[in-house]
Amino acid sequence: MNIYLIATGDLLHRNDLLLQCVKDYCEQEGILYTGEVQFYRTVYGKPMVTNPELNISISHCEKIWVCAVGLCPVGIDIEKIRPIDIEKIASHFFSENEQENLQKLASDGREKLFYKTWTLKECYSKLKGLGMRMKFSDIDTLQMEKKFFSESIEITSGYLLSVMSYSNISYKVIYGGEDSNGKIYKRK
């Protein structure tokens, strides 16, 4: 699986970036495809790609756009770590176990754990294909660690990226940007 992390200005409706990521992944993995790559969204808004059959998940925050492309189902999320009212949000969106876990930590560790928990909830909802239609307080990320592969990494000064799949996956993060023609360039 590849995770594309792209610095870009315009984040909405980026099928052009998605197409470039899918084609790059196919080239790297030796996946042949014929005809046009087709994108569509399920009734719940999950992005899908056919021709070739691949699994994708996208997220964005401020001027960073991320896309996971691979053969297995995946969910991805990115958030900027910034001061917020953790207790207020957690009381509405976190399970009792998660809230108790947050309370055990000092304030500096609490912020990182909050964002890790939040991004994993988003990953899970994307993996299931339901997005924000899921009741986040019913998702207990502490229990999910036993059932799903997930990883969270802090990237690019103050951003947390999480990825989740049904099984252990190997992945590589490809950092890049967008040139003046809207094409992805990869950082060396």
C-alpha atoms as a PDB file:
ATOM      1  CA  MET A   1       0.000   0.000   0.000  1.00  0.00           C
ATOM      2  CA  ASN A   2       1.157   3.525  -0.738  1.00  0.00           C
ATOM      3  CA  ILE A   3       0.207   6.552   1.296  1.00  0.00           C
ATOM      4  CA  TYR A   4       0.543   9.752  -0.694  1.00  0.00           C
ATOM      5  CA  LEU A   5       1.036  12.902   1.371  1.00  0.00           C
ATOM      6  CA  ILE A   6       0.682  15.926  -0.893  1.00  0.00           C
ATOM      7  CA  ALA A   7       1.076  19.610  -0.028  1.00  0.00           C
ATOM      8  CA  THR A   8      -1.470  21.441  -2.155  1.00  0.00           C
ATOM      9  CA  GLY A   9      -3.529  24.605  -2.136  1.00  0.00           C
ATOM     10  CA  ASP A  10      -6.880  23.392  -3.440  1.00  0.00           C
ATOM     11  CA  LEU A  11      -8.219  20.396  -1.529  1.00  0.00           C
ATOM     12  CA  LEU A  12     -11.731  19.931  -2.852  1.00  0.00           C
ATOM     13  CA  HIS A  13     -12.675  17.565  -5.664  1.00  0.00           C
ATOM     14  CA  ARG A  14      -9.145  16.391  -6.338  1.00  0.00           C
ATOM     15  CA  ASN A  15      -9.875  13.546  -8.742  1.00  0.00           C
ATOM     16  CA  ASP A  16      -6.811  14.701 -10.697  1.00  0.00           C
ATOM     17  CA  LEU A  17      -4.535  13.954  -7.730  1.00  0.00           C
ATOM     18  CA  LEU A  18      -6.382  10.713  -7.030  1.00  0.00           C
ATOM     19  CA  LEU A  19      -5.873   9.591 -10.628  1.00  0.00           C
ATOM     20  CA  GLN A  20      -2.147  10.370 -10.423  1.00  0.00           C
ATOM     21  CA  CYS A  21      -1.840   8.384  -7.175  1.00  0.00           C
ATOM     22  CA  VAL A  22      -3.674   5.367  -8.627  1.00  0.00           C
ATOM     23  CA  LYS A  23      -1.529   5.395 -11.760  1.00  0.00           C
ATOM     24  CA  ASP A  24       1.686   5.773  -9.735  1.00  0.00           C
ATOM     25  CA  TYR A  25       0.688   2.861  -7.483  1.00  0.00           C
ATOM     26  CA  CYS A  26      -0.113   0.659 -10.511  1.00  0.00           C
ATOM     27  CA  GLU A  27       3.240   1.483 -12.119  1.00  0.00           C
ATOM     28  CA  GLN A  28       5.146   0.690  -8.921  1.00  0.00           C
ATOM     29  CA  GLU A  29       3.296  -2.579  -8.329  1.00  0.00           C
ATOM     30  CA  GLY A  30       3.245  -3.721 -11.967  1.00  0.00           C
ATOM     31  CA  ILE A  31      -0.558  -3.680 -12.109  1.00  0.00           C
ATOM     32  CA  LEU A  32      -1.819  -3.521 -15.651  1.00  0.00           C
ATOM     33  CA  TYR A  33      -5.069  -1.826 -16.446  1.00  0.00           C
ATOM     34  CA  THR A  34      -6.888  -1.101 -19.648  1.00  0.00           C
ATOM     35  CA  GLY A  35      -9.126   1.804 -20.451  1.00  0.00           C
ATOM     36  CA  GLU A  36      -9.934   4.664 -18.157  1.00  0.00           C
ATOM     37  CA  VAL A  37      -9.641   4.476 -14.393  1.00  0.00           C
ATOM     38  CA  GLN A  38     -13.178   4.938 -13.045  1.00  0.00           C
ATOM     39  CA  PHE A  39     -13.999   6.726  -9.790  1.00  0.00           C
ATOM     40  CA  TYR A  40     -17.323   6.704  -8.017  1.00  0.00           C
ATOM     41  CA  ARG A  41     -18.734   7.121  -4.535  1.00  0.00           C
ATOM     42  CA  THR A  42     -20.942   4.686  -2.679  1.00  0.00           C
ATOM     43  CA  VAL A  43     -24.312   5.835  -1.343  1.00  0.00           C
ATOM     44  CA  TYR A  44     -22.504   6.799   1.880  1.00  0.00           C
ATOM     45  CA  GLY A  45     -19.804   8.774   0.045  1.00  0.00           C
ATOM     46  CA  LYS A  46     -16.897   6.308   0.219  1.00  0.00           C
ATOM     47  CA  PRO A  47     -14.616   6.856  -2.790  1.00  0.00           C
ATOM     48  CA  MET A  48     -14.042   3.773  -4.928  1.00  0.00           C
ATOM     49  CA  VAL A  49     -11.963   3.026  -8.003  1.00  0.00           C
ATOM     50  CA  THR A  50     -12.415   0.389 -10.701  1.00  0.00           C
ATOM     51  CA  ASN A  51     -10.428  -0.551 -13.750  1.00  0.00           C
ATOM     52  CA  PRO A  52      -8.228  -1.571 -11.931  1.00  0.00           C
ATOM     53  CA  GLU A  53      -9.938  -2.769  -8.752  1.00  0.00           C
ATOM     54  CA  LEU A  54      -8.135  -0.997  -5.921  1.00  0.00           C
ATOM     55  CA  ASN A  55      -9.015   0.259  -2.465  1.00  0.00           C
ATOM     56  CA  ILE A  56      -8.571   3.924  -1.676  1.00  0.00           C
ATOM     57  CA  SER A  57      -9.184   6.294   1.178  1.00  0.00           C
ATOM     58  CA  ILE A  58      -8.615  10.042   1.247  1.00  0.00           C
ATOM     59  CA  SER A  59      -8.424  12.788   3.847  1.00  0.00           C
ATOM     60  CA  HIS A  60      -7.311  16.385   4.015  1.00  0.00           C
ATOM     61  CA  CYS A  61      -6.527  19.023   6.582  1.00  0.00           C
ATOM     62  CA  GLU A  62      -5.610  22.605   5.806  1.00  0.00           C
ATOM     63  CA  LYS A  63      -3.244  22.373   2.821  1.00  0.00           C
ATOM     64  CA  ILE A  64      -2.319  18.695   3.126  1.00  0.00           C
ATOM     65  CA  TRP A  65      -4.119  16.000   1.135  1.00  0.00           C
ATOM     66  CA  VAL A  66      -3.511  12.295   1.805  1.00  0.00           C
ATOM     67  CA  CYS A  67      -4.525   9.236  -0.133  1.00  0.00           C
ATOM     68  CA  ALA A  68      -4.021   5.543   0.655  1.00  0.00           C
ATOM     69  CA  VAL A  69      -4.012   3.223  -2.368  1.00  0.00           C
ATOM     70  CA  GLY A  70      -3.709  -0.540  -2.132  1.00  0.00           C
ATOM     71  CA  LEU A  71      -5.198  -3.962  -2.662  1.00  0.00           C
ATOM     72  CA  CYS A  72      -6.863  -4.315   0.752  1.00  0.00           C
ATOM     73  CA  PRO A  73      -9.637  -2.187   2.307  1.00  0.00           C
ATOM     74  CA  VAL A  74      -8.241   0.840   4.134  1.00  0.00           C
ATOM     75  CA  GLY A  75      -9.244   3.936   6.060  1.00  0.00           C
ATOM     76  CA  ILE A  76      -7.007   6.994   6.464  1.00  0.00           C
ATOM     77  CA  ASP A  77      -7.278  10.299   8.312  1.00  0.00           C
ATOM     78  CA  ILE A  78      -5.054  13.300   8.969  1.00  0.00           C
ATOM     79  CA  GLU A  79      -5.552  16.058  11.534  1.00  0.00           C
ATOM     80  CA  LYS A  80      -3.536  19.072  12.627  1.00  0.00           C
ATOM     81  CA  ILE A  81      -2.676  18.900  16.309  1.00  0.00           C
ATOM     82  CA  ARG A  82      -3.933  22.128  17.845  1.00  0.00           C
ATOM     83  CA  PRO A  83      -5.336  23.215  21.206  1.00  0.00           C
ATOM     84  CA  ILE A  84      -9.024  22.333  21.638  1.00  0.00           C
ATOM     85  CA  ASP A  85     -11.438  21.604  24.469  1.00  0.00           C
ATOM     86  CA  ILE A  86     -10.554  17.917  24.740  1.00  0.00           C
ATOM     87  CA  GLU A  87     -12.900  17.061  27.610  1.00  0.00           C
ATOM     88  CA  LYS A  88     -15.935  18.640  25.926  1.00  0.00           C
ATOM     89  CA  ILE A  89     -15.381  16.857  22.603  1.00  0.00           C
ATOM     90  CA  ALA A  90     -14.419  13.552  24.241  1.00  0.00           C
ATOM     91  CA  SER A  91     -17.577  13.588  26.362  1.00  0.00           C
ATOM     92  CA  HIS A  92     -19.676  13.583  23.175  1.00  0.00           C
ATOM     93  CA  PHE A  93     -17.628  11.410  20.840  1.00  0.00           C
ATOM     94  CA  PHE A  94     -15.476   9.038  22.937  1.00  0.00           C
ATOM     95  CA  SER A  95     -16.468   5.804  24.662  1.00  0.00           C
ATOM     96  CA  GLU A  96     -16.276   5.619  28.468  1.00  0.00           C
ATOM     97  CA  ASN A  97     -13.071   3.543  28.199  1.00  0.00           C
ATOM     98  CA  GLU A  98     -11.461   6.144  25.948  1.00  0.00           C
ATOM     99  CA  GLN A  99     -12.481   8.996  28.252  1.00  0.00           C
ATOM    100  CA  GLU A 100     -11.006   7.187  31.273  1.00  0.00           C
ATOM    101  CA  ASN A 101      -7.811   6.558  29.324  1.00  0.00           C
ATOM    102  CA  LEU A 102      -7.518  10.277  28.522  1.00  0.00           C
ATOM    103  CA  GLN A 103      -7.972  11.255  32.172  1.00  0.00           C
ATOM    104  CA  LYS A 104      -4.988   9.143  33.231  1.00  0.00           C
ATOM    105  CA  LEU A 105      -2.542  11.277  31.255  1.00  0.00           C
ATOM    106  CA  ALA A 106      -0.939  14.632  31.919  1.00  0.00           C
ATOM    107  CA  SER A 107      -2.193  17.456  29.711  1.00  0.00           C
ATOM    108  CA  ASP A 108       0.674  17.234  27.178  1.00  0.00           C
ATOM    109  CA  GLY A 109       0.070  13.516  26.546  1.00  0.00           C
ATOM    110  CA  ARG A 110      -3.695  13.963  26.563  1.00  0.00           C
ATOM    111  CA  GLU A 111      -3.663  16.104  23.401  1.00  0.00           C
ATOM    112  CA  LYS A 112      -1.721  13.533  21.358  1.00  0.00           C
ATOM    113  CA  LEU A 113      -3.881  10.671  22.623  1.00  0.00           C
ATOM    114  CA  PHE A 114      -7.017  12.658  21.769  1.00  0.00           C
ATOM    115  CA  TYR A 115      -5.895  13.144  18.165  1.00  0.00           C
ATOM    116  CA  LYS A 116      -4.760   9.539  17.835  1.00  0.00           C
ATOM    117  CA  THR A 117      -8.156   8.340  19.097  1.00  0.00           C
ATOM    118  CA  TRP A 118     -10.054  10.770  16.856  1.00  0.00           C
ATOM    119  CA  THR A 119      -8.124   9.844  13.691  1.00  0.00           C
ATOM    120  CA  LEU A 120      -8.567   6.128  14.397  1.00  0.00           C
ATOM    121  CA  LYS A 121     -12.328   6.647  14.743  1.00  0.00           C
ATOM    122  CA  GLU A 122     -12.353   8.392  11.370  1.00  0.00           C
ATOM    123  CA  CYS A 123     -10.231   5.609   9.852  1.00  0.00           C
ATOM    124  CA  TYR A 124     -12.621   2.973  11.155  1.00  0.00           C
ATOM    125  CA  SER A 125     -15.680   4.777   9.795  1.00  0.00           C
ATOM    126  CA  LYS A 126     -13.974   5.132   6.401  1.00  0.00           C
ATOM    127  CA  LEU A 127     -12.831   1.500   6.421  1.00  0.00           C
ATOM    128  CA  LYS A 128     -16.445   0.449   7.043  1.00  0.00           C
ATOM    129  CA  GLY A 129     -17.590   2.841   4.297  1.00  0.00           C
ATOM    130  CA  LEU A 130     -19.988   4.768   6.518  1.00  0.00           C
ATOM    131  CA  GLY A 131     -18.052   7.971   7.201  1.00  0.00           C
ATOM    132  CA  MET A 132     -19.567  10.377   9.702  1.00  0.00           C
ATOM    133  CA  ARG A 133     -22.825   8.402   9.761  1.00  0.00           C
ATOM    134  CA  MET A 134     -21.378   6.255  12.543  1.00  0.00           C
ATOM    135  CA  LYS A 135     -21.918   7.243  16.157  1.00  0.00           C
ATOM    136  CA  PHE A 136     -18.345   7.904  17.258  1.00  0.00           C
ATOM    137  CA  SER A 137     -19.060   7.284  20.950  1.00  0.00           C
ATOM    138  CA  ASP A 138     -19.976   3.690  20.002  1.00  0.00           C
ATOM    139  CA  ILE A 139     -16.555   3.147  18.425  1.00  0.00           C
ATOM    140  CA  ASP A 140     -14.057   2.036  21.076  1.00  0.00           C
ATOM    141  CA  THR A 141     -10.564   2.313  19.628  1.00  0.00           C
ATOM    142  CA  LEU A 142      -9.105   0.429  22.601  1.00  0.00           C
ATOM    143  CA  GLN A 143     -11.101  -2.661  21.556  1.00  0.00           C
ATOM    144  CA  MET A 144     -10.313  -2.174  17.854  1.00  0.00           C
ATOM    145  CA  GLU A 145      -6.591  -2.608  18.446  1.00  0.00           C
ATOM    146  CA  LYS A 146      -7.301  -6.325  18.927  1.00  0.00           C
ATOM    147  CA  LYS A 147      -9.293  -6.672  15.694  1.00  0.00           C
ATOM    148  CA  PHE A 148      -7.664  -4.350  13.164  1.00  0.00           C
ATOM    149  CA  PHE A 149      -4.240  -3.252  12.046  1.00  0.00           C
ATOM    150  CA  SER A 150      -3.734   0.443  12.725  1.00  0.00           C
ATOM    151  CA  GLU A 151      -0.869   2.839  12.966  1.00  0.00           C
ATOM    152  CA  SER A 152      -0.604   6.515  13.829  1.00  0.00           C
ATOM    153  CA  ILE A 153       2.392   8.653  12.985  1.00  0.00           C
ATOM    154  CA  GLU A 154       3.169  12.303  13.553  1.00  0.00           C
ATOM    155  CA  ILE A 155       4.261  13.835  10.295  1.00  0.00           C
ATOM    156  CA  THR A 156       5.087  17.222   8.869  1.00  0.00           C
ATOM    157  CA  SER A 157       5.338  19.321  12.020  1.00  0.00           C
ATOM    158  CA  GLY A 158       2.181  19.018  14.020  1.00  0.00           C
ATOM    159  CA  TYR A 159       0.021  16.700  11.902  1.00  0.00           C
ATOM    160  CA  LEU A 160      -1.098  13.220  12.939  1.00  0.00           C
ATOM    161  CA  LEU A 161      -1.862  10.633  10.272  1.00  0.00           C
ATOM    162  CA  SER A 162      -3.580   7.328  11.053  1.00  0.00           C
ATOM    163  CA  VAL A 163      -4.242   4.364   8.801  1.00  0.00           C
ATOM    164  CA  MET A 164      -6.348   1.251   9.468  1.00  0.00           C
ATOM    165  CA  SER A 165      -7.010  -2.027   7.694  1.00  0.00           C
ATOM    166  CA  TYR A 166      -8.459  -5.444   8.446  1.00  0.00           C
ATOM    167  CA  SER A 167      -5.047  -7.096   8.453  1.00  0.00           C
ATOM    168  CA  ASN A 168      -1.418  -6.207   8.897  1.00  0.00           C
ATOM    169  CA  ILE A 169      -0.293  -4.198   5.908  1.00  0.00           C
ATOM    170  CA  SER A 170       3.003  -2.849   4.771  1.00  0.00           C
ATOM    171  CA  TYR A 171       3.031   0.652   3.418  1.00  0.00           C
ATOM    172  CA  LYS A 172       5.296   3.433   2.367  1.00  0.00           C
ATOM    173  CA  VAL A 173       4.645   7.137   2.675  1.00  0.00           C
ATOM    174  CA  ILE A 174       5.348   9.152  -0.459  1.00  0.00           C
ATOM    175  CA  TYR A 175       5.835  12.842   0.263  1.00  0.00           C
ATOM    176  CA  GLY A 176       5.259  15.352  -2.468  1.00  0.00           C
ATOM    177  CA  GLY A 177       3.700  18.533  -3.615  1.00  0.00           C
ATOM    178  CA  GLU A 178       1.913  19.947  -6.565  1.00  0.00           C
ATOM    179  CA  ASP A 179       3.680  21.854  -9.314  1.00  0.00           C
ATOM    180  CA  SER A 180       2.237  24.844 -11.168  1.00  0.00           C
ATOM    181  CA  ASN A 181       0.569  22.465 -13.658  1.00  0.00           C
ATOM    182  CA  GLY A 182      -1.225  20.516 -10.924  1.00  0.00           C
ATOM    183  CA  LYS A 183       1.026  17.466 -11.240  1.00  0.00           C
ATOM    184  CA  ILE A 184       2.376  15.601  -8.221  1.00  0.00           C
ATOM    185  CA  TYR A 185       6.079  15.795  -7.674  1.00  0.00           C
ATOM    186  CA  LYS A 186       7.812  13.458  -5.256  1.00  0.00           C
ATOM    187  CA  ARG A 187      10.292  14.745  -2.724  1.00  0.00           C
ATOM    188  CA  LYS A 188      13.571  12.940  -2.762  1.00  0.00           C
END
